[in-house]
Structures are given as C-alpha cells and as structure tokens.
Amino acid sequence: MTRQSISLTAPNEEWLKNQVNAEEFSSKSEAINFLIKKARSQEEFYDFVRAKIDKGEKSGFVKKQTKEEMLAEFKKNLGDV
C-alpha cells in the first residue's frame, strides 16, 4: 500500500477523529479508503446509468419534446389505461 500525505480542513479532520473515536473505523486511513471506494462505486453507477440513457436515446424511441409536451402526452396516455 502506498503512503500519502494529505491536508484536511478542520471540519474534515474533526469528522475523521470522531469516526475513529466512535469506532466506526479503526483508523483515519481506513475511513479515507472507505470514502474513496464509495465515491468510485458511485461513479461506476453513474457511468452505467449514463450508458443506458445514451443507448435509449440512440434507439430512436425518444422523441425530442419539451417538458410540457411530454406531460400532455403522459396525461393523454393515462386516459387510455
């Protein structure tokens, strides 16, 4: 594992200390690694969702409409149910 030196704002330093004191994490390093892993996972999820949206838009199914036009179409389709 590589060793890094980072600077933290006072509120972030306090939060880390509190997490370790409350035994949520065994060390500040563990907390930082957890937060980075969580951010990476979230980024991967966003990439997945973006890819699905792009695929849907490129399928030709989506029509370019304003919000108002879409709402009117949804309301019209509700009457068909």
N, C-alpha and C. Protein backbone atom coordinates (compact mmCIF):
# COMPACT_ATOMS: atom_id res chain seq x y z
N MET A 1 0.84 -1.17 0.00
CA MET A 1 0.00 0.00 0.00
C MET A 1 0.89 1.23 0.00
N THR A 2 0.55 2.20 -0.83
CA THR A 2 1.35 3.41 -0.88
C THR A 2 0.97 4.35 0.26
N ARG A 3 1.90 5.16 0.63
CA ARG A 3 1.70 6.11 1.72
C ARG A 3 1.56 7.50 1.12
N GLN A 4 0.58 8.25 1.60
CA GLN A 4 0.31 9.59 1.09
C GLN A 4 0.23 10.57 2.25
N SER A 5 0.51 11.79 1.93
CA SER A 5 0.33 12.87 2.90
C SER A 5 -0.74 13.79 2.34
N ILE A 6 -1.78 14.05 3.12
CA ILE A 6 -2.86 14.92 2.64
C ILE A 6 -3.15 15.99 3.68
N SER A 7 -3.70 17.09 3.21
CA SER A 7 -4.13 18.16 4.11
C SER A 7 -5.65 18.15 4.18
N LEU A 8 -6.18 18.34 5.37
CA LEU A 8 -7.62 18.34 5.57
C LEU A 8 -8.06 19.65 6.19
N THR A 9 -9.29 20.03 5.88
CA THR A 9 -9.85 21.19 6.56
C THR A 9 -10.16 20.78 8.00
N ALA A 10 -10.28 21.75 8.86
CA ALA A 10 -10.55 21.47 10.27
C ALA A 10 -11.83 20.64 10.47
N PRO A 11 -12.94 20.98 9.79
CA PRO A 11 -14.15 20.16 9.97
C PRO A 11 -13.97 18.70 9.51
N ASN A 12 -13.23 18.50 8.43
CA ASN A 12 -12.99 17.13 7.95
C ASN A 12 -12.08 16.37 8.91
N GLU A 13 -11.10 17.03 9.45
CA GLU A 13 -10.20 16.40 10.44
C GLU A 13 -11.00 16.00 11.67
N GLU A 14 -11.88 16.88 12.11
CA GLU A 14 -12.71 16.60 13.28
C GLU A 14 -13.64 15.42 13.01
N TRP A 15 -14.23 15.39 11.83
CA TRP A 15 -15.13 14.29 11.47
C TRP A 15 -14.37 12.96 11.49
N LEU A 16 -13.17 12.95 10.90
CA LEU A 16 -12.37 11.72 10.90
C LEU A 16 -12.05 11.27 12.32
N LYS A 17 -11.62 12.21 13.17
CA LYS A 17 -11.32 11.87 14.56
C LYS A 17 -12.54 11.26 15.24
N ASN A 18 -13.71 11.87 15.01
CA ASN A 18 -14.94 11.37 15.64
C ASN A 18 -15.29 9.97 15.15
N GLN A 19 -15.06 9.69 13.87
CA GLN A 19 -15.35 8.36 13.33
C GLN A 19 -14.46 7.30 13.98
N VAL A 20 -13.19 7.63 14.15
CA VAL A 20 -12.26 6.69 14.77
C VAL A 20 -12.59 6.54 16.26
N ASN A 21 -12.87 7.64 16.94
CA ASN A 21 -13.22 7.58 18.36
C ASN A 21 -14.50 6.79 18.61
N ALA A 22 -15.44 6.88 17.68
CA ALA A 22 -16.70 6.14 17.81
C ALA A 22 -16.55 4.69 17.34
N GLU A 23 -15.34 4.34 16.92
CA GLU A 23 -15.00 3.00 16.45
C GLU A 23 -15.78 2.59 15.20
N GLU A 24 -16.16 3.61 14.40
CA GLU A 24 -16.74 3.32 13.09
C GLU A 24 -15.65 2.79 12.15
N PHE A 25 -14.43 3.29 12.35
CA PHE A 25 -13.26 2.87 11.60
C PHE A 25 -12.13 2.69 12.59
N SER A 26 -11.19 1.83 12.25
CA SER A 26 -10.07 1.60 13.16
C SER A 26 -8.98 2.66 13.02
N SER A 27 -9.01 3.39 11.89
CA SER A 27 -8.01 4.43 11.67
C SER A 27 -8.54 5.44 10.67
N LYS A 28 -7.87 6.58 10.60
CA LYS A 28 -8.23 7.58 9.60
C LYS A 28 -8.01 7.04 8.20
N SER A 29 -6.96 6.27 8.01
CA SER A 29 -6.67 5.68 6.69
C SER A 29 -7.81 4.78 6.24
N GLU A 30 -8.34 3.99 7.16
CA GLU A 30 -9.45 3.10 6.81
C GLU A 30 -10.67 3.92 6.38
N ALA A 31 -10.94 5.01 7.09
CA ALA A 31 -12.08 5.88 6.75
C ALA A 31 -11.88 6.51 5.37
N ILE A 32 -10.70 7.02 5.10
CA ILE A 32 -10.41 7.65 3.81
C ILE A 32 -10.54 6.63 2.68
N ASN A 33 -9.99 5.43 2.87
CA ASN A 33 -10.10 4.39 1.85
C ASN A 33 -11.55 4.00 1.61
N PHE A 34 -12.36 3.93 2.67
CA PHE A 34 -13.78 3.62 2.53
C PHE A 34 -14.48 4.70 1.69
N LEU A 35 -14.20 5.97 2.00
CA LEU A 35 -14.84 7.06 1.28
C LEU A 35 -14.44 7.09 -0.20
N ILE A 36 -13.19 6.81 -0.48
CA ILE A 36 -12.72 6.76 -1.87
C ILE A 36 -13.39 5.60 -2.61
N LYS A 37 -13.45 4.45 -1.97
CA LYS A 37 -14.10 3.28 -2.58
C LYS A 37 -15.57 3.58 -2.86
N LYS A 38 -16.24 4.23 -1.94
CA LYS A 38 -17.65 4.59 -2.11
C LYS A 38 -17.81 5.56 -3.28
N ALA A 39 -16.95 6.54 -3.39
CA ALA A 39 -17.00 7.52 -4.48
C ALA A 39 -16.76 6.83 -5.83
N ARG A 40 -15.82 5.90 -5.87
CA ARG A 40 -15.54 5.17 -7.10
C ARG A 40 -16.74 4.33 -7.52
N SER A 41 -17.36 3.68 -6.56
CA SER A 41 -18.54 2.86 -6.83
C SER A 41 -19.68 3.71 -7.37
N GLN A 42 -19.87 4.88 -6.76
CA GLN A 42 -20.92 5.79 -7.21
C GLN A 42 -20.64 6.26 -8.64
N GLU A 43 -19.40 6.55 -8.93
CA GLU A 43 -19.01 6.98 -10.28
C GLU A 43 -19.30 5.88 -11.29
N GLU A 44 -19.00 4.63 -10.93
CA GLU A 44 -19.27 3.50 -11.82
C GLU A 44 -20.77 3.36 -12.07
N PHE A 45 -21.59 3.57 -11.03
CA PHE A 45 -23.03 3.51 -11.19
C PHE A 45 -23.52 4.60 -12.12
N TYR A 46 -23.02 5.82 -11.94
CA TYR A 46 -23.42 6.93 -12.82
C TYR A 46 -23.02 6.64 -14.26
N ASP A 47 -21.85 6.07 -14.48
CA ASP A 47 -21.42 5.72 -15.84
C ASP A 47 -22.37 4.69 -16.44
N PHE A 48 -22.79 3.70 -15.63
CA PHE A 48 -23.72 2.67 -16.08
C PHE A 48 -25.05 3.30 -16.49
N VAL A 49 -25.58 4.20 -15.65
CA VAL A 49 -26.86 4.85 -15.94
C VAL A 49 -26.74 5.72 -17.18
N ARG A 50 -25.64 6.47 -17.28
CA ARG A 50 -25.44 7.31 -18.47
C ARG A 50 -25.41 6.47 -19.75
N ALA A 51 -24.76 5.32 -19.70
CA ALA A 51 -24.68 4.43 -20.86
C ALA A 51 -26.07 3.93 -21.24
N LYS A 52 -26.89 3.59 -20.25
CA LYS A 52 -28.25 3.13 -20.52
C LYS A 52 -29.09 4.25 -21.13
N ILE A 53 -28.95 5.46 -20.62
CA ILE A 53 -29.69 6.60 -21.17
C ILE A 53 -29.26 6.87 -22.60
N ASP A 54 -27.95 6.87 -22.85
CA ASP A 54 -27.44 7.08 -24.21
C ASP A 54 -27.98 6.02 -25.17
N LYS A 55 -27.97 4.78 -24.73
CA LYS A 55 -28.47 3.68 -25.57
C LYS A 55 -29.95 3.91 -25.89
N GLY A 56 -30.73 4.31 -24.89
CA GLY A 56 -32.15 4.57 -25.10
C GLY A 56 -32.38 5.71 -26.06
N GLU A 57 -31.62 6.77 -25.91
CA GLU A 57 -31.78 7.92 -26.80
C GLU A 57 -31.38 7.60 -28.23
N LYS A 58 -30.36 6.78 -28.40
CA LYS A 58 -29.89 6.42 -29.73
C LYS A 58 -30.78 5.38 -30.41
N SER A 59 -31.66 4.75 -29.63
CA SER A 59 -32.54 3.72 -30.20
C SER A 59 -33.61 4.33 -31.09
N GLY A 60 -33.79 5.65 -31.01
CA GLY A 60 -34.81 6.30 -31.82
C GLY A 60 -36.16 6.32 -31.16
N PHE A 61 -36.28 5.71 -30.00
CA PHE A 61 -37.56 5.65 -29.30
C PHE A 61 -37.92 7.01 -28.70
N VAL A 62 -36.93 7.74 -28.26
CA VAL A 62 -37.17 9.01 -27.61
C VAL A 62 -37.39 10.09 -28.67
N LYS A 63 -38.48 10.84 -28.49
CA LYS A 63 -38.74 11.98 -29.36
C LYS A 63 -38.29 13.23 -28.63
N LYS A 64 -37.78 14.17 -29.35
CA LYS A 64 -37.38 15.44 -28.74
C LYS A 64 -38.64 16.25 -28.46
N GLN A 65 -38.95 16.42 -27.18
CA GLN A 65 -40.13 17.15 -26.76
C GLN A 65 -39.77 18.07 -25.61
N THR A 66 -40.61 19.06 -25.44
CA THR A 66 -40.45 19.90 -24.26
C THR A 66 -41.08 19.18 -23.07
N LYS A 67 -40.80 19.67 -21.87
CA LYS A 67 -41.41 19.08 -20.67
C LYS A 67 -42.93 19.15 -20.76
N GLU A 68 -43.43 20.26 -21.25
CA GLU A 68 -44.87 20.46 -21.34
C GLU A 68 -45.51 19.46 -22.32
N GLU A 69 -44.84 19.24 -23.46
CA GLU A 69 -45.35 18.28 -24.44
C GLU A 69 -45.34 16.86 -23.87
N MET A 70 -44.28 16.53 -23.15
CA MET A 70 -44.20 15.20 -22.54
C MET A 70 -45.31 15.02 -21.50
N LEU A 71 -45.54 16.03 -20.66
CA LEU A 71 -46.58 15.95 -19.64
C LEU A 71 -47.95 15.75 -20.29
N ALA A 72 -48.23 16.51 -21.34
CA ALA A 72 -49.51 16.38 -22.04
C ALA A 72 -49.67 14.97 -22.61
N GLU A 73 -48.58 14.42 -23.16
CA GLU A 73 -48.64 13.06 -23.72
C GLU A 73 -48.88 12.03 -22.62
N PHE A 74 -48.20 12.19 -21.49
CA PHE A 74 -48.40 11.27 -20.36
C PHE A 74 -49.85 11.30 -19.89
N LYS A 75 -50.40 12.51 -19.77
CA LYS A 75 -51.78 12.66 -19.31
C LYS A 75 -52.75 12.02 -20.31
N LYS A 76 -52.47 12.22 -21.60
CA LYS A 76 -53.32 11.62 -22.63
C LYS A 76 -53.27 10.09 -22.53
N ASN A 77 -52.07 9.56 -22.34
CA ASN A 77 -51.92 8.10 -22.25
C ASN A 77 -52.55 7.52 -20.99
N LEU A 78 -52.65 8.31 -19.93
CA LEU A 78 -53.31 7.84 -18.72
C LEU A 78 -54.78 7.55 -18.97
N GLY A 79 -55.39 8.31 -19.86
CA GLY A 79 -56.79 8.09 -20.21
C GLY A 79 -57.00 6.80 -20.98
N ASP A 80 -55.94 6.30 -21.61
CA ASP A 80 -56.02 5.08 -22.40
C ASP A 80 -55.93 3.82 -21.53
N VAL A 81 -55.54 3.98 -20.27
CA VAL A 81 -55.31 2.81 -19.41
C VAL A 81 -56.60 2.27 -18.87
